[in-house]
Amino acid sequence: MKETARRTVQQGVQQGVRQGGDRGAIRVVLWCRATGADVEAVESAYHQVSATLAGTPGLLGNELLRSAVEPDVFAVMSEWEDMAAFTAWERGPDHRDATAPLRGYQEPHRGRSFDLFQKVAGYS
């Protein structure tokens, strides 16, 4: 992750904790884009990262989503127990190595390649 993106994650994490963001599940969405015929490479990188992250404390699961409108756009959505669990992993020593396979596909054109979300309402 580029240094400016890392600072933005840290700022978002700190803001979320200040606003009570550690009280519930947090979802992290990483935006990715396949270049040319690299769609299979994105999927392969996702599976590699997911295997590495299996058993990570606080990680509830993750999904690879593909745009129905732009087939070269992907989102990796991970769900964490709370902001504290995500923060501990994000600041830990394994974060950069574990996510390296997807780094080359991160989508910087949105201003940043990720977003942090908390559920504020829902229906079933």
N, C-alpha and C. Protein backbone atom coordinates (compact mmCIF):
# COMPACT_ATOMS: atom_id res chain seq x y z
N MET A 1 0.85 -1.16 0.00
CA MET A 1 0.00 0.00 0.00
C MET A 1 0.90 1.23 0.00
N LYS A 2 0.59 2.20 -0.85
CA LYS A 2 1.38 3.41 -0.89
C LYS A 2 1.30 4.11 0.45
N GLU A 3 2.33 4.91 0.75
CA GLU A 3 2.41 5.56 2.05
C GLU A 3 1.22 6.49 2.29
N THR A 4 0.76 7.21 1.24
CA THR A 4 -0.39 8.10 1.45
C THR A 4 -1.65 7.29 1.74
N ALA A 5 -1.80 6.15 1.08
CA ALA A 5 -2.96 5.30 1.36
C ALA A 5 -2.88 4.75 2.77
N ARG A 6 -1.68 4.36 3.21
CA ARG A 6 -1.50 3.84 4.57
C ARG A 6 -1.90 4.91 5.59
N ARG A 7 -1.49 6.14 5.37
CA ARG A 7 -1.86 7.22 6.29
C ARG A 7 -3.38 7.41 6.31
N THR A 8 -4.00 7.32 5.13
CA THR A 8 -5.45 7.49 5.05
C THR A 8 -6.16 6.39 5.82
N VAL A 9 -5.69 5.14 5.70
CA VAL A 9 -6.27 4.04 6.46
C VAL A 9 -6.15 4.33 7.95
N GLN A 10 -4.97 4.74 8.38
CA GLN A 10 -4.75 5.01 9.80
C GLN A 10 -5.65 6.15 10.27
N GLN A 11 -5.82 7.19 9.45
CA GLN A 11 -6.70 8.29 9.83
C GLN A 11 -8.15 7.81 9.92
N GLY A 12 -8.57 6.99 8.97
CA GLY A 12 -9.93 6.45 8.98
C GLY A 12 -10.17 5.57 10.18
N VAL A 13 -9.17 4.75 10.52
CA VAL A 13 -9.27 3.88 11.69
C VAL A 13 -9.38 4.72 12.95
N GLN A 14 -8.53 5.74 13.08
CA GLN A 14 -8.57 6.59 14.27
C GLN A 14 -9.90 7.32 14.36
N GLN A 15 -10.41 7.83 13.24
CA GLN A 15 -11.69 8.52 13.24
C GLN A 15 -12.81 7.58 13.63
N GLY A 16 -12.79 6.36 13.09
CA GLY A 16 -13.82 5.38 13.42
C GLY A 16 -13.84 5.04 14.89
N VAL A 17 -12.67 4.91 15.49
CA VAL A 17 -12.59 4.61 16.92
C VAL A 17 -13.10 5.80 17.73
N ARG A 18 -12.75 7.02 17.33
CA ARG A 18 -13.22 8.20 18.05
C ARG A 18 -14.74 8.33 17.99
N GLN A 19 -15.34 7.90 16.88
CA GLN A 19 -16.78 8.04 16.71
C GLN A 19 -17.53 6.81 17.20
N GLY A 20 -16.88 5.97 17.96
CA GLY A 20 -17.55 4.79 18.47
C GLY A 20 -17.56 3.65 17.48
N GLY A 21 -16.68 3.71 16.48
CA GLY A 21 -16.65 2.72 15.44
C GLY A 21 -16.22 1.35 15.89
N ASP A 22 -15.72 1.22 17.10
CA ASP A 22 -15.28 -0.09 17.55
C ASP A 22 -16.41 -0.86 18.22
N ARG A 23 -17.65 -0.41 18.12
CA ARG A 23 -18.77 -1.05 18.79
C ARG A 23 -19.43 -2.14 17.96
N GLY A 24 -19.07 -2.28 16.69
CA GLY A 24 -19.71 -3.28 15.85
C GLY A 24 -18.84 -3.66 14.69
N ALA A 25 -19.37 -4.55 13.89
CA ALA A 25 -18.62 -5.05 12.74
C ALA A 25 -18.23 -3.91 11.80
N ILE A 26 -17.08 -4.07 11.19
CA ILE A 26 -16.58 -3.12 10.21
C ILE A 26 -16.37 -3.87 8.91
N ARG A 27 -16.70 -3.25 7.81
CA ARG A 27 -16.46 -3.85 6.50
C ARG A 27 -15.46 -2.99 5.76
N VAL A 28 -14.48 -3.66 5.19
CA VAL A 28 -13.45 -2.99 4.41
C VAL A 28 -13.65 -3.41 2.96
N VAL A 29 -13.74 -2.43 2.08
CA VAL A 29 -13.88 -2.72 0.66
C VAL A 29 -12.63 -2.22 -0.05
N LEU A 30 -11.93 -3.15 -0.68
CA LEU A 30 -10.73 -2.83 -1.46
C LEU A 30 -11.13 -2.86 -2.93
N TRP A 31 -10.96 -1.74 -3.62
CA TRP A 31 -11.33 -1.63 -5.03
C TRP A 31 -10.16 -2.08 -5.89
N CYS A 32 -10.44 -2.96 -6.85
CA CYS A 32 -9.41 -3.48 -7.75
C CYS A 32 -9.89 -3.39 -9.19
N ARG A 33 -8.91 -3.36 -10.10
CA ARG A 33 -9.23 -3.36 -11.53
C ARG A 33 -8.26 -4.29 -12.23
N ALA A 34 -8.82 -5.17 -13.06
CA ALA A 34 -8.01 -6.06 -13.88
C ALA A 34 -7.57 -5.27 -15.11
N THR A 35 -6.35 -5.47 -15.53
CA THR A 35 -5.87 -4.81 -16.72
C THR A 35 -5.81 -5.83 -17.85
N GLY A 36 -6.50 -5.52 -18.94
CA GLY A 36 -6.50 -6.43 -20.08
C GLY A 36 -7.11 -7.78 -19.73
N ALA A 37 -6.35 -8.82 -19.93
CA ALA A 37 -6.83 -10.19 -19.70
C ALA A 37 -6.49 -10.69 -18.31
N ASP A 38 -6.24 -9.79 -17.36
CA ASP A 38 -5.81 -10.19 -16.01
C ASP A 38 -6.95 -10.53 -15.06
N VAL A 39 -8.15 -10.74 -15.57
CA VAL A 39 -9.29 -11.07 -14.71
C VAL A 39 -8.99 -12.31 -13.88
N GLU A 40 -8.46 -13.34 -14.52
CA GLU A 40 -8.13 -14.57 -13.79
C GLU A 40 -7.01 -14.33 -12.78
N ALA A 41 -6.10 -13.42 -13.09
CA ALA A 41 -5.02 -13.11 -12.16
C ALA A 41 -5.54 -12.45 -10.90
N VAL A 42 -6.56 -11.57 -11.03
CA VAL A 42 -7.17 -10.94 -9.86
C VAL A 42 -7.82 -12.01 -9.00
N GLU A 43 -8.56 -12.91 -9.63
CA GLU A 43 -9.21 -13.98 -8.89
C GLU A 43 -8.19 -14.88 -8.19
N SER A 44 -7.12 -15.19 -8.86
CA SER A 44 -6.06 -16.02 -8.26
C SER A 44 -5.41 -15.30 -7.08
N ALA A 45 -5.13 -14.01 -7.24
CA ALA A 45 -4.53 -13.23 -6.14
C ALA A 45 -5.48 -13.18 -4.94
N TYR A 46 -6.76 -13.02 -5.21
CA TYR A 46 -7.76 -13.01 -4.13
C TYR A 46 -7.72 -14.32 -3.34
N HIS A 47 -7.70 -15.44 -4.06
CA HIS A 47 -7.68 -16.74 -3.38
C HIS A 47 -6.40 -16.93 -2.57
N GLN A 48 -5.29 -16.43 -3.10
CA GLN A 48 -4.02 -16.52 -2.39
C GLN A 48 -4.05 -15.71 -1.10
N VAL A 49 -4.54 -14.48 -1.19
CA VAL A 49 -4.64 -13.63 0.00
C VAL A 49 -5.60 -14.24 1.02
N SER A 50 -6.73 -14.74 0.55
CA SER A 50 -7.72 -15.33 1.45
C SER A 50 -7.17 -16.53 2.20
N ALA A 51 -6.40 -17.35 1.51
CA ALA A 51 -5.79 -18.52 2.16
C ALA A 51 -4.81 -18.07 3.24
N THR A 52 -4.06 -17.02 2.94
CA THR A 52 -3.10 -16.50 3.91
C THR A 52 -3.80 -15.92 5.14
N LEU A 53 -4.94 -15.28 4.93
CA LEU A 53 -5.65 -14.62 6.02
C LEU A 53 -6.55 -15.56 6.83
N ALA A 54 -6.73 -16.77 6.37
CA ALA A 54 -7.58 -17.73 7.10
C ALA A 54 -7.10 -17.84 8.55
N GLY A 55 -8.02 -17.70 9.48
CA GLY A 55 -7.67 -17.79 10.90
C GLY A 55 -7.18 -16.51 11.52
N THR A 56 -7.16 -15.42 10.77
CA THR A 56 -6.73 -14.13 11.32
C THR A 56 -7.72 -13.70 12.41
N PRO A 57 -7.23 -13.41 13.61
CA PRO A 57 -8.14 -13.00 14.69
C PRO A 57 -8.99 -11.79 14.29
N GLY A 58 -10.29 -11.90 14.49
CA GLY A 58 -11.20 -10.81 14.22
C GLY A 58 -11.76 -10.78 12.81
N LEU A 59 -11.15 -11.50 11.87
CA LEU A 59 -11.65 -11.52 10.49
C LEU A 59 -12.80 -12.52 10.40
N LEU A 60 -13.99 -12.02 10.07
CA LEU A 60 -15.18 -12.87 10.00
C LEU A 60 -15.34 -13.53 8.64
N GLY A 61 -14.75 -12.94 7.61
CA GLY A 61 -14.84 -13.50 6.27
C GLY A 61 -14.58 -12.45 5.23
N ASN A 62 -14.53 -12.87 3.97
CA ASN A 62 -14.35 -11.93 2.87
C ASN A 62 -14.98 -12.48 1.61
N GLU A 63 -15.23 -11.61 0.66
CA GLU A 63 -15.83 -11.97 -0.61
C GLU A 63 -15.15 -11.20 -1.73
N LEU A 64 -15.08 -11.83 -2.90
CA LEU A 64 -14.62 -11.15 -4.10
C LEU A 64 -15.87 -10.85 -4.93
N LEU A 65 -16.10 -9.58 -5.19
CA LEU A 65 -17.26 -9.14 -5.97
C LEU A 65 -16.78 -8.58 -7.30
N ARG A 66 -17.52 -8.87 -8.35
CA ARG A 66 -17.17 -8.37 -9.69
C ARG A 66 -18.30 -7.49 -10.19
N SER A 67 -17.96 -6.36 -10.75
CA SER A 67 -18.97 -5.43 -11.26
C SER A 67 -19.78 -6.08 -12.37
N ALA A 68 -21.08 -5.91 -12.30
CA ALA A 68 -21.97 -6.40 -13.35
C ALA A 68 -21.99 -5.42 -14.53
N VAL A 69 -21.45 -4.22 -14.34
CA VAL A 69 -21.45 -3.20 -15.37
C VAL A 69 -20.07 -3.07 -16.03
N GLU A 70 -19.02 -3.13 -15.21
CA GLU A 70 -17.64 -3.04 -15.70
C GLU A 70 -16.92 -4.33 -15.28
N PRO A 71 -16.86 -5.32 -16.17
CA PRO A 71 -16.35 -6.63 -15.78
C PRO A 71 -14.88 -6.67 -15.36
N ASP A 72 -14.15 -5.58 -15.55
CA ASP A 72 -12.76 -5.56 -15.10
C ASP A 72 -12.61 -4.91 -13.73
N VAL A 73 -13.72 -4.51 -13.10
CA VAL A 73 -13.71 -3.88 -11.78
C VAL A 73 -14.14 -4.90 -10.73
N PHE A 74 -13.37 -4.99 -9.66
CA PHE A 74 -13.63 -5.91 -8.56
C PHE A 74 -13.64 -5.16 -7.24
N ALA A 75 -14.30 -5.76 -6.27
CA ALA A 75 -14.24 -5.27 -4.89
C ALA A 75 -14.00 -6.48 -4.00
N VAL A 76 -13.04 -6.36 -3.12
CA VAL A 76 -12.82 -7.38 -2.10
C VAL A 76 -13.43 -6.80 -0.83
N MET A 77 -14.46 -7.46 -0.32
CA MET A 77 -15.11 -6.98 0.90
C MET A 77 -14.79 -7.94 2.04
N SER A 78 -14.13 -7.41 3.05
CA SER A 78 -13.85 -8.22 4.24
C SER A 78 -14.65 -7.67 5.41
N GLU A 79 -15.07 -8.57 6.27
CA GLU A 79 -15.83 -8.17 7.45
C GLU A 79 -15.03 -8.52 8.68
N TRP A 80 -14.93 -7.57 9.59
CA TRP A 80 -14.16 -7.70 10.82
C TRP A 80 -15.08 -7.57 12.01
N GLU A 81 -14.74 -8.22 13.11
CA GLU A 81 -15.56 -8.16 14.33
C GLU A 81 -15.82 -6.73 14.76
N ASP A 82 -14.79 -5.92 14.71
CA ASP A 82 -14.90 -4.53 15.12
C ASP A 82 -13.68 -3.76 14.62
N MET A 83 -13.70 -2.46 14.82
CA MET A 83 -12.61 -1.61 14.36
C MET A 83 -11.30 -1.98 15.05
N ALA A 84 -11.36 -2.36 16.31
CA ALA A 84 -10.14 -2.72 17.04
C ALA A 84 -9.45 -3.94 16.40
N ALA A 85 -10.24 -4.94 15.99
CA ALA A 85 -9.65 -6.13 15.36
C ALA A 85 -9.01 -5.77 14.02
N PHE A 86 -9.71 -4.95 13.23
CA PHE A 86 -9.14 -4.53 11.95
C PHE A 86 -7.88 -3.71 12.16
N THR A 87 -7.93 -2.79 13.10
CA THR A 87 -6.77 -1.93 13.38
C THR A 87 -5.56 -2.76 13.81
N ALA A 88 -5.79 -3.73 14.68
CA ALA A 88 -4.68 -4.57 15.15
C ALA A 88 -4.04 -5.31 13.98
N TRP A 89 -4.86 -5.83 13.07
CA TRP A 89 -4.30 -6.54 11.91
C TRP A 89 -3.63 -5.56 10.96
N GLU A 90 -4.27 -4.45 10.67
CA GLU A 90 -3.74 -3.48 9.71
C GLU A 90 -2.40 -2.92 10.16
N ARG A 91 -2.23 -2.74 11.44
CA ARG A 91 -0.98 -2.20 11.98
C ARG A 91 0.05 -3.29 12.27
N GLY A 92 -0.37 -4.55 12.17
CA GLY A 92 0.52 -5.66 12.49
C GLY A 92 1.56 -5.94 11.41
N PRO A 93 2.51 -6.79 11.74
CA PRO A 93 3.63 -7.06 10.83
C PRO A 93 3.26 -7.90 9.61
N ASP A 94 2.14 -8.60 9.63
CA ASP A 94 1.80 -9.50 8.53
C ASP A 94 0.94 -8.85 7.45
N HIS A 95 0.42 -7.68 7.71
CA HIS A 95 -0.52 -7.02 6.80
C HIS A 95 0.03 -6.86 5.38
N ARG A 96 1.18 -6.27 5.24
CA ARG A 96 1.72 -5.95 3.91
C ARG A 96 2.04 -7.21 3.11
N ASP A 97 2.67 -8.18 3.74
CA ASP A 97 3.00 -9.41 3.02
C ASP A 97 1.75 -10.19 2.64
N ALA A 98 0.78 -10.24 3.53
CA ALA A 98 -0.44 -11.02 3.29
C ALA A 98 -1.24 -10.47 2.12
N THR A 99 -1.24 -9.17 1.93
CA THR A 99 -2.05 -8.55 0.89
C THR A 99 -1.27 -8.22 -0.38
N ALA A 100 0.00 -8.54 -0.41
CA ALA A 100 0.85 -8.20 -1.56
C ALA A 100 0.33 -8.71 -2.90
N PRO A 101 -0.24 -9.92 -3.00
CA PRO A 101 -0.69 -10.39 -4.31
C PRO A 101 -1.76 -9.50 -4.98
N LEU A 102 -2.54 -8.78 -4.20
CA LEU A 102 -3.58 -7.91 -4.78
C LEU A 102 -3.09 -6.48 -5.00
N ARG A 103 -1.96 -6.14 -4.48
CA ARG A 103 -1.51 -4.74 -4.51
C ARG A 103 -1.43 -4.17 -5.93
N GLY A 104 -0.98 -4.94 -6.88
CA GLY A 104 -0.83 -4.45 -8.25
C GLY A 104 -2.15 -4.19 -8.95
N TYR A 105 -3.25 -4.65 -8.37
CA TYR A 105 -4.57 -4.48 -8.98
C TYR A 105 -5.41 -3.43 -8.29
N GLN A 106 -4.88 -2.81 -7.25
CA GLN A 106 -5.66 -1.82 -6.51
C GLN A 106 -6.04 -0.67 -7.43
N GLU A 107 -7.25 -0.19 -7.25
CA GLU A 107 -7.83 0.86 -8.10
C GLU A 107 -7.65 2.22 -7.44
N PRO A 108 -6.65 2.99 -7.85
CA PRO A 108 -6.41 4.29 -7.23
C PRO A 108 -7.26 5.42 -7.79
N HIS A 109 -8.02 5.18 -8.84
CA HIS A 109 -8.75 6.26 -9.51
C HIS A 109 -9.94 6.78 -8.73
N ARG A 110 -10.31 6.14 -7.66
CA ARG A 110 -11.43 6.59 -6.84
C ARG A 110 -10.96 7.58 -5.77
N GLY A 111 -9.72 7.95 -5.79
CA GLY A 111 -9.16 8.82 -4.77
C GLY A 111 -8.37 8.02 -3.75
N ARG A 112 -8.81 6.79 -3.52
CA ARG A 112 -8.09 5.82 -2.70
C ARG A 112 -8.59 4.44 -3.11
N SER A 113 -7.87 3.42 -2.76
CA SER A 113 -8.20 2.09 -3.25
C SER A 113 -9.09 1.29 -2.29
N PHE A 114 -9.54 1.90 -1.21
CA PHE A 114 -10.32 1.18 -0.21
C PHE A 114 -11.32 2.12 0.45
N ASP A 115 -12.29 1.52 1.12
CA ASP A 115 -13.23 2.26 1.94
C ASP A 115 -13.52 1.45 3.19
N LEU A 116 -13.84 2.11 4.28
CA LEU A 116 -14.23 1.47 5.54
C LEU A 116 -15.70 1.77 5.78
N PHE A 117 -16.47 0.73 6.10
CA PHE A 117 -17.91 0.89 6.30
C PHE A 117 -18.34 0.29 7.63
N GLN A 118 -19.33 0.92 8.24
CA GLN A 118 -20.02 0.34 9.40
C GLN A 118 -21.49 0.27 9.08
N LYS A 119 -22.13 -0.76 9.51
CA LYS A 119 -23.56 -0.93 9.30
C LYS A 119 -24.30 0.02 10.23
N VAL A 120 -25.17 0.83 9.67
CA VAL A 120 -25.96 1.74 10.48
C VAL A 120 -27.43 1.35 10.50
N ALA A 121 -27.84 0.52 9.54
CA ALA A 121 -29.22 0.05 9.49
C ALA A 121 -29.27 -1.15 8.55
N GLY A 122 -30.32 -1.96 8.66
CA GLY A 122 -30.45 -3.09 7.77
C GLY A 122 -31.80 -3.76 7.90
N TYR A 123 -32.20 -4.47 6.88
CA TYR A 123 -33.44 -5.23 6.84
C TYR A 123 -33.15 -6.62 6.32
N SER A 124 -33.93 -7.57 6.74
CA SER A 124 -33.80 -8.94 6.22
C SER A 124 -35.08 -9.37 5.57
